[in-house]
């Protein structure tokens, strides 16, 4: 059983140009999805705040994009080192903030092990980067790859630091700068990470603006000085991001939701293994991942139904626990109703 001995700040400000800055708007409350208690307060970024962040990123880009790949590699390793040193505390924070079981964070494939690996991977990958050239009859053809510029990024609540590392690590490794908005439901670890970055990265290379999608998120999409968009989340919002990028003729990277059916045949001979596999597929990341199962087909076994239901009852910090609480209460109710309907 994990001991929840983590202290949070009373409130968190935006991270712009290497400093924590108060948002133009007031703060909003961040709730514990397990019990509805207030965990902390988060700065509510406005379009003006996003503009400050983009301008800081643009200013930092002129120098960051011209740093050597060896220097950028060292920076990324330092970020990975900081995550390594703080992963136990950050894991507990994300457990509180997302409602996911602590065992997911402590496994070999836990969020922070993945995030650390991402920063180290791209720290190494850029050292192996090679250009391309070929001789022509009357000259030499040279392909020179350049960073996009300022990357606007929006991430979801399910695995905050995993998706953050997927977005930030390759972007800054390639010489880009970043303005990122975490989900309003799970921003704490991102802002704790910001405090670590203060002592590592040059000011303005990475900026975090917390707030709501229709305010801070929309401001990122609308800003004329964003050179690339990246979004992970719902298909509906992804269409909006893709449309915006198309209208601006800028690239966009979209990672959206999908459907993942499970088929259990009536003649299954190892029911326990089938239950374990389906339960994991449905509710790793609390059922809030794009790869999670969404339906079970051909379930005819009463023992299977009874056994799989038993997998979804436990206490908050039980390491054997499979399913806890969705970030948003309506999603939790929907998930449980959907599961019961799906398995009969």
Protein backbone atom coordinates (compact mmCIF):
# COMPACT_ATOMS: atom_id res chain seq x y z
CA UNK A 1 0.00 0.00 0.00
CA UNK A 2 1.43 3.40 -0.98
CA UNK A 3 1.61 6.22 1.52
CA UNK A 4 0.24 9.50 0.22
CA UNK A 5 2.81 11.84 1.74
CA UNK A 6 2.92 14.46 -0.98
CA UNK A 7 2.50 18.20 -0.47
CA UNK A 8 0.99 20.40 -3.15
CA UNK A 9 1.23 24.14 -3.63
CA UNK A 10 -1.86 26.07 -2.61
CA UNK A 11 -2.02 27.44 -6.16
CA UNK A 12 -0.06 27.16 -9.38
CA UNK A 13 0.71 29.95 -11.84
CA UNK A 14 1.52 29.81 -15.55
CA UNK A 15 5.03 28.98 -16.73
CA UNK A 16 6.07 31.59 -19.28
CA UNK A 17 9.56 32.63 -20.35
CA UNK A 18 11.19 30.58 -17.60
CA UNK A 19 9.14 32.13 -14.80
CA UNK A 20 5.93 31.38 -12.95
CA UNK A 21 3.48 34.17 -13.81
CA UNK A 22 -0.01 34.88 -12.54
CA UNK A 23 -2.73 34.39 -15.13
CA UNK A 24 -4.83 37.33 -16.31
CA UNK A 25 -7.95 35.51 -15.16
CA UNK A 26 -8.61 34.11 -11.70
CA UNK A 27 -7.71 30.60 -10.56
CA UNK A 28 -9.87 27.52 -10.99
CA UNK A 29 -10.12 24.58 -8.61
CA UNK A 30 -8.58 21.18 -9.31
CA UNK A 31 -10.54 18.33 -7.73
CA UNK A 32 -9.55 14.89 -6.53
CA UNK A 33 -11.63 12.57 -8.77
CA UNK A 34 -11.81 9.97 -5.99
CA UNK A 35 -13.69 12.14 -3.48
CA UNK A 36 -14.34 15.54 -5.05
CA UNK A 37 -12.10 17.38 -2.59
CA UNK A 38 -10.14 20.40 -3.79
CA UNK A 39 -6.49 19.50 -4.38
CA UNK A 40 -5.23 22.93 -5.39
CA UNK A 41 -5.96 25.91 -7.63
CA UNK A 42 -4.62 26.46 -11.12
CA UNK A 43 -4.09 29.62 -13.14
CA UNK A 44 -6.77 30.19 -15.78
CA UNK A 45 -4.93 31.43 -18.86
CA UNK A 46 -6.52 33.94 -21.23
CA UNK A 47 -5.72 34.67 -24.85
CA UNK A 48 -3.41 37.45 -23.62
CA UNK A 49 -1.49 34.94 -21.52
CA UNK A 50 -1.17 32.59 -24.48
CA UNK A 51 0.11 35.50 -26.56
CA UNK A 52 2.80 36.18 -23.93
CA UNK A 53 3.81 32.53 -24.03
CA UNK A 54 3.98 32.46 -27.83
CA UNK A 55 6.04 35.64 -27.92
CA UNK A 56 8.42 34.18 -25.34
CA UNK A 57 8.71 30.99 -27.38
CA UNK A 58 9.34 32.97 -30.57
CA UNK A 59 12.09 35.00 -28.93
CA UNK A 60 13.72 31.88 -27.49
CA UNK A 61 13.51 30.09 -30.85
CA UNK A 62 16.04 32.38 -32.52
CA UNK A 63 18.79 31.17 -30.19
CA UNK A 64 17.56 27.66 -29.32
CA UNK A 65 17.27 26.64 -32.97
CA UNK A 66 20.94 27.47 -33.46
CA UNK A 67 22.29 25.51 -30.51
CA UNK A 68 24.33 22.47 -31.46
CA UNK A 69 22.72 19.05 -31.38
CA UNK A 70 25.29 18.03 -28.78
CA UNK A 71 24.15 20.85 -26.51
CA UNK A 72 20.47 20.09 -26.98
CA UNK A 73 21.18 16.43 -26.26
CA UNK A 74 22.76 17.38 -22.95
CA UNK A 75 19.73 19.49 -22.06
CA UNK A 76 17.37 16.58 -22.71
CA UNK A 77 19.46 14.26 -20.57
CA UNK A 78 19.31 16.81 -17.76
CA UNK A 79 15.52 16.87 -18.05
CA UNK A 80 15.46 13.07 -17.86
CA UNK A 81 17.72 13.19 -14.81
CA UNK A 82 15.35 15.60 -13.07
CA UNK A 83 12.38 13.34 -13.80
CA UNK A 84 14.32 10.35 -12.49
CA UNK A 85 15.08 12.15 -9.23
CA UNK A 86 11.48 13.27 -8.74
CA UNK A 87 9.43 10.45 -10.26
CA UNK A 88 8.21 8.99 -6.96
CA UNK A 89 6.71 12.28 -5.82
CA UNK A 90 5.35 13.14 -9.27
CA UNK A 91 3.78 9.69 -9.55
CA UNK A 92 1.86 10.25 -6.33
CA UNK A 93 0.70 13.64 -7.58
CA UNK A 94 -0.59 12.13 -10.81
CA UNK A 95 -2.28 9.34 -8.85
CA UNK A 96 -4.23 11.98 -6.94
CA UNK A 97 -4.86 14.17 -9.96
CA UNK A 98 -5.98 11.49 -12.42
CA UNK A 99 -7.56 8.95 -10.05
CA UNK A 100 -5.44 6.14 -11.48
CA UNK A 101 -3.95 3.35 -9.31
CA UNK A 102 -0.45 3.95 -7.99
CA UNK A 103 0.62 0.51 -9.27
CA UNK A 104 0.41 1.81 -12.84
CA UNK A 105 2.99 4.48 -12.06
CA UNK A 106 5.32 2.11 -10.20
CA UNK A 107 5.50 -0.56 -12.91
CA UNK A 108 8.35 -0.89 -15.39
CA UNK A 109 6.05 0.73 -17.94
CA UNK A 110 4.90 3.43 -15.54
CA UNK A 111 4.31 6.96 -16.76
CA UNK A 112 7.59 8.41 -15.57
CA UNK A 113 9.71 5.54 -16.78
CA UNK A 114 8.18 6.11 -20.21
CA UNK A 115 8.69 9.88 -20.02
CA UNK A 116 12.31 9.49 -18.93
CA UNK A 117 12.91 7.06 -21.79
CA UNK A 118 11.40 9.53 -24.27
CA UNK A 119 13.74 12.36 -23.29
CA UNK A 120 16.75 10.04 -23.31
CA UNK A 121 15.74 8.53 -26.66
CA UNK A 122 15.53 11.88 -28.43
CA UNK A 123 18.68 13.07 -26.67
CA UNK A 124 20.43 10.17 -28.41
CA UNK A 125 18.48 10.22 -31.67
CA UNK A 126 19.56 13.74 -32.61
CA UNK A 127 23.21 12.72 -32.24
CA UNK A 128 22.65 10.18 -35.02
CA UNK A 129 20.98 12.64 -37.35
CA UNK A 130 22.62 12.91 -40.75
CA UNK A 131 21.82 15.18 -43.64
CA UNK A 132 21.55 14.17 -47.28
CA UNK A 133 23.33 15.34 -50.38
CA UNK A 134 23.92 14.13 -53.91
CA UNK A 135 25.98 15.39 -56.82
CA UNK A 136 24.29 16.92 -59.85
CA UNK A 137 25.69 17.50 -63.32
CA UNK A 138 26.14 21.17 -62.62
CA UNK A 139 26.19 21.36 -58.84
CA UNK A 140 25.37 19.69 -55.54
CA UNK A 141 21.93 18.92 -54.09
CA UNK A 142 21.79 19.40 -50.32
CA UNK A 143 18.78 18.66 -48.11
CA UNK A 144 18.85 20.70 -44.93
CA UNK A 145 16.25 19.98 -42.27
CA UNK A 146 15.15 22.89 -40.12
CA UNK A 147 12.88 23.15 -37.07
CA UNK A 148 9.32 24.35 -37.60
CA UNK A 149 9.47 27.15 -35.05
CA UNK A 150 6.93 27.57 -32.25
CA UNK A 151 4.88 24.42 -31.60
CA UNK A 152 1.44 24.73 -30.01
CA UNK A 153 0.57 21.57 -28.11
CA UNK A 154 -2.54 20.39 -26.24
CA UNK A 155 -2.54 17.21 -24.16
CA UNK A 156 -5.24 15.17 -22.34
CA UNK A 157 -5.69 14.12 -18.72
CA UNK A 158 -5.23 10.35 -18.89
CA UNK A 159 -1.41 10.07 -18.90
CA UNK A 160 -0.22 13.66 -18.59
CA UNK A 161 3.54 13.17 -18.39
CA UNK A 162 3.61 10.42 -21.02
CA UNK A 163 1.86 12.56 -23.63
CA UNK A 164 3.83 15.64 -22.56
CA UNK A 165 7.08 13.77 -23.17
CA UNK A 166 5.83 12.54 -26.56
CA UNK A 167 5.17 16.14 -27.56
CA UNK A 168 7.92 18.15 -25.86
CA UNK A 169 10.97 15.88 -26.17
CA UNK A 170 11.07 15.55 -29.99
CA UNK A 171 10.04 19.17 -30.49
CA UNK A 172 12.84 20.73 -28.46
CA UNK A 173 15.35 18.09 -29.57
CA UNK A 174 14.81 19.27 -33.15
CA UNK A 175 15.30 22.90 -32.16
CA UNK A 176 11.67 24.00 -31.82
CA UNK A 177 10.17 25.86 -28.89
CA UNK A 178 6.89 24.94 -27.23
CA UNK A 179 3.69 26.40 -25.83
CA UNK A 180 1.74 23.56 -24.22
CA UNK A 181 -1.65 23.45 -22.54
CA UNK A 182 -2.31 20.49 -20.24
CA UNK A 183 -5.85 19.32 -19.57
CA UNK A 184 -7.62 21.39 -16.94
CA UNK A 185 -8.50 18.15 -15.14
CA UNK A 186 -4.87 17.06 -14.69
CA UNK A 187 -2.40 19.94 -14.72
CA UNK A 188 -0.57 19.56 -11.42
CA UNK A 189 2.29 17.32 -12.52
CA UNK A 190 2.89 19.54 -15.56
CA UNK A 191 3.30 22.60 -13.36
CA UNK A 192 5.50 20.72 -10.91
CA UNK A 193 7.58 19.70 -13.93
CA UNK A 194 7.77 23.37 -14.89
CA UNK A 195 9.52 24.14 -11.61
CA UNK A 196 12.16 21.55 -12.51
CA UNK A 197 12.64 23.07 -15.96
CA UNK A 198 13.36 26.49 -14.47
CA UNK A 199 16.82 25.30 -13.49
CA UNK A 200 17.50 23.36 -16.70
CA UNK A 201 16.24 24.90 -19.95
CA UNK A 202 16.81 28.42 -21.26
CA UNK A 203 13.88 30.76 -20.68
CA UNK A 204 11.08 30.51 -23.22
CA UNK A 205 12.05 27.18 -24.77
CA UNK A 206 9.12 25.45 -23.05
CA UNK A 207 6.05 27.32 -21.79
CA UNK A 208 2.97 25.91 -20.02
CA UNK A 209 -0.42 27.63 -19.98
CA UNK A 210 -3.12 26.04 -17.85
CA UNK A 211 -6.81 26.66 -18.35
CA UNK A 212 -9.80 25.60 -20.40
CA UNK A 213 -10.06 24.40 -23.96
CA UNK A 214 -12.41 27.11 -25.16
CA UNK A 215 -10.11 29.80 -23.75
CA UNK A 216 -6.42 28.85 -23.61
CA UNK A 217 -6.76 25.96 -26.04
CA UNK A 218 -8.63 28.02 -28.60
CA UNK A 219 -6.10 30.82 -28.23
CA UNK A 220 -3.31 28.41 -29.17
CA UNK A 221 -5.24 27.30 -32.27
CA UNK A 222 -6.02 30.87 -33.29
CA UNK A 223 -2.60 32.41 -32.68
CA UNK A 224 -1.00 33.57 -35.94
CA UNK A 225 2.57 32.91 -34.78
CA UNK A 226 2.18 29.17 -34.13
CA UNK A 227 4.08 27.14 -36.74
CA UNK A 228 2.88 23.63 -35.90
CA UNK A 229 0.01 22.13 -33.90
CA UNK A 230 -0.06 18.87 -31.95
CA UNK A 231 -3.13 17.50 -30.19
CA UNK A 232 -4.02 14.33 -28.34
CA UNK A 233 -7.65 13.88 -27.35
CA UNK A 234 -11.12 13.41 -28.73
CA UNK A 235 -11.88 12.93 -32.40
CA UNK A 236 -14.29 15.86 -32.39
CA UNK A 237 -11.72 18.34 -31.15
CA UNK A 238 -9.12 16.73 -33.38
CA UNK A 239 -11.22 17.58 -36.44
CA UNK A 240 -11.29 21.18 -35.27
CA UNK A 241 -7.52 21.25 -34.80
CA UNK A 242 -6.98 19.67 -38.22
CA UNK A 243 -9.31 22.16 -39.88
CA UNK A 244 -7.54 25.09 -38.25
CA UNK A 245 -4.15 23.79 -39.34
CA UNK A 246 -5.43 23.26 -42.87
CA UNK A 247 -6.76 26.79 -43.09
CA UNK A 248 -3.41 28.14 -41.91
CA UNK A 249 -1.41 25.72 -44.07
CA UNK A 250 0.65 24.57 -41.09
CA UNK A 251 1.34 20.94 -40.11
CA UNK A 252 -0.61 19.22 -37.36
CA UNK A 253 -0.04 15.97 -35.50
CA UNK A 254 -3.24 14.36 -34.19
CA UNK A 255 -3.58 11.36 -31.88
CA UNK A 256 -7.29 10.67 -31.48
CA UNK A 257 -9.65 8.09 -30.03
CA UNK A 258 -10.63 4.74 -31.50
CA UNK A 259 -12.65 1.57 -30.98
CA UNK A 260 -11.11 -1.62 -29.61
CA UNK A 261 -13.50 -4.60 -29.39
CA UNK A 262 -12.64 -7.73 -27.40
CA UNK A 263 -13.94 -11.10 -28.59
CA UNK A 264 -14.37 -13.90 -26.02
CA UNK A 265 -15.44 -17.18 -27.62
CA UNK A 266 -17.89 -19.49 -25.80
CA UNK A 267 -15.38 -22.36 -25.78
CA UNK A 268 -12.67 -20.43 -23.91
CA UNK A 269 -10.92 -22.89 -21.60
CA UNK A 270 -8.86 -20.47 -19.49
CA UNK A 271 -11.47 -18.09 -18.12
CA UNK A 272 -9.15 -16.47 -15.59
CA UNK A 273 -6.63 -15.54 -18.25
CA UNK A 274 -9.38 -14.23 -20.52
CA UNK A 275 -10.75 -12.10 -17.68
CA UNK A 276 -7.33 -10.72 -16.81
CA UNK A 277 -6.64 -9.84 -20.43
CA UNK A 278 -10.01 -8.18 -21.04
CA UNK A 279 -9.96 -6.34 -17.70
CA UNK A 280 -6.52 -4.94 -18.41
CA UNK A 281 -7.52 -3.96 -21.92
CA UNK A 282 -10.60 -2.15 -20.68
CA UNK A 283 -9.27 -0.31 -17.69
CA UNK A 284 -5.58 0.34 -17.82
CA UNK A 285 -5.30 4.11 -17.51
CA UNK A 286 -8.76 3.88 -15.89
CA UNK A 287 -10.33 3.19 -19.25
CA UNK A 288 -9.36 6.66 -20.44
CA UNK A 289 -6.84 5.73 -23.12
CA UNK A 290 -7.19 5.71 -26.89
CA UNK A 291 -6.20 2.02 -26.90
CA UNK A 292 -8.64 0.84 -24.24
CA UNK A 293 -11.25 -1.81 -24.98
CA UNK A 294 -14.70 -0.50 -25.74
CA UNK A 295 -16.86 -3.61 -26.03
CA UNK A 296 -16.88 -7.37 -25.43
CA UNK A 297 -18.43 -9.60 -28.06
CA UNK A 298 -19.70 -13.20 -27.74
CA UNK A 299 -19.79 -13.36 -23.94
CA UNK A 300 -21.88 -16.44 -23.02
CA UNK A 301 -20.16 -17.49 -19.81
CA UNK A 302 -21.68 -16.71 -16.40
CA UNK A 303 -18.34 -17.44 -14.64
CA UNK A 304 -16.65 -14.95 -16.98
CA UNK A 305 -19.19 -12.22 -16.20
CA UNK A 306 -18.96 -12.77 -12.46
CA UNK A 307 -15.18 -12.90 -12.41
CA UNK A 308 -14.61 -9.82 -14.53
CA UNK A 309 -16.95 -7.74 -12.36
CA UNK A 310 -14.87 -8.66 -9.31
CA UNK A 311 -11.86 -6.98 -10.91
CA UNK A 312 -13.39 -3.53 -10.55
CA UNK A 313 -13.80 -3.28 -6.79
CA UNK A 314 -10.92 -2.13 -4.57
CA UNK A 315 -9.45 0.73 -2.54
CA UNK A 316 -7.56 3.73 -3.85
CA UNK A 317 -3.98 2.67 -3.15
CA UNK A 318 -4.26 -1.13 -3.39
CA UNK A 319 -1.44 -2.20 -5.76
CA UNK A 320 -3.57 -5.06 -7.14
CA UNK A 321 -6.36 -2.67 -8.02
CA UNK A 322 -7.49 -2.48 -11.65
CA UNK A 323 -9.99 0.39 -11.87
CA UNK A 324 -10.31 3.52 -9.77
CA UNK A 325 -11.99 6.78 -10.71
CA UNK A 326 -12.32 8.57 -14.03
CA UNK A 327 -11.04 12.12 -14.00
CA UNK A 328 -14.55 13.46 -14.50
CA UNK A 329 -17.43 12.05 -12.48
CA UNK A 330 -19.86 11.74 -15.44
CA UNK A 331 -17.25 9.65 -17.27
CA UNK A 332 -16.91 7.33 -14.27
CA UNK A 333 -20.66 6.73 -14.16
CA UNK A 334 -20.75 6.22 -17.93
CA UNK A 335 -17.80 3.80 -17.83
CA UNK A 336 -19.40 1.62 -15.14
CA UNK A 337 -22.80 1.58 -16.88
CA UNK A 338 -21.15 0.82 -20.21
CA UNK A 339 -19.13 -2.02 -18.71
CA UNK A 340 -22.18 -3.60 -17.09
CA UNK A 341 -24.18 -3.28 -20.31
CA UNK A 342 -21.33 -4.70 -22.37
CA UNK A 343 -20.74 -7.83 -20.30
CA UNK A 344 -24.37 -8.45 -19.50
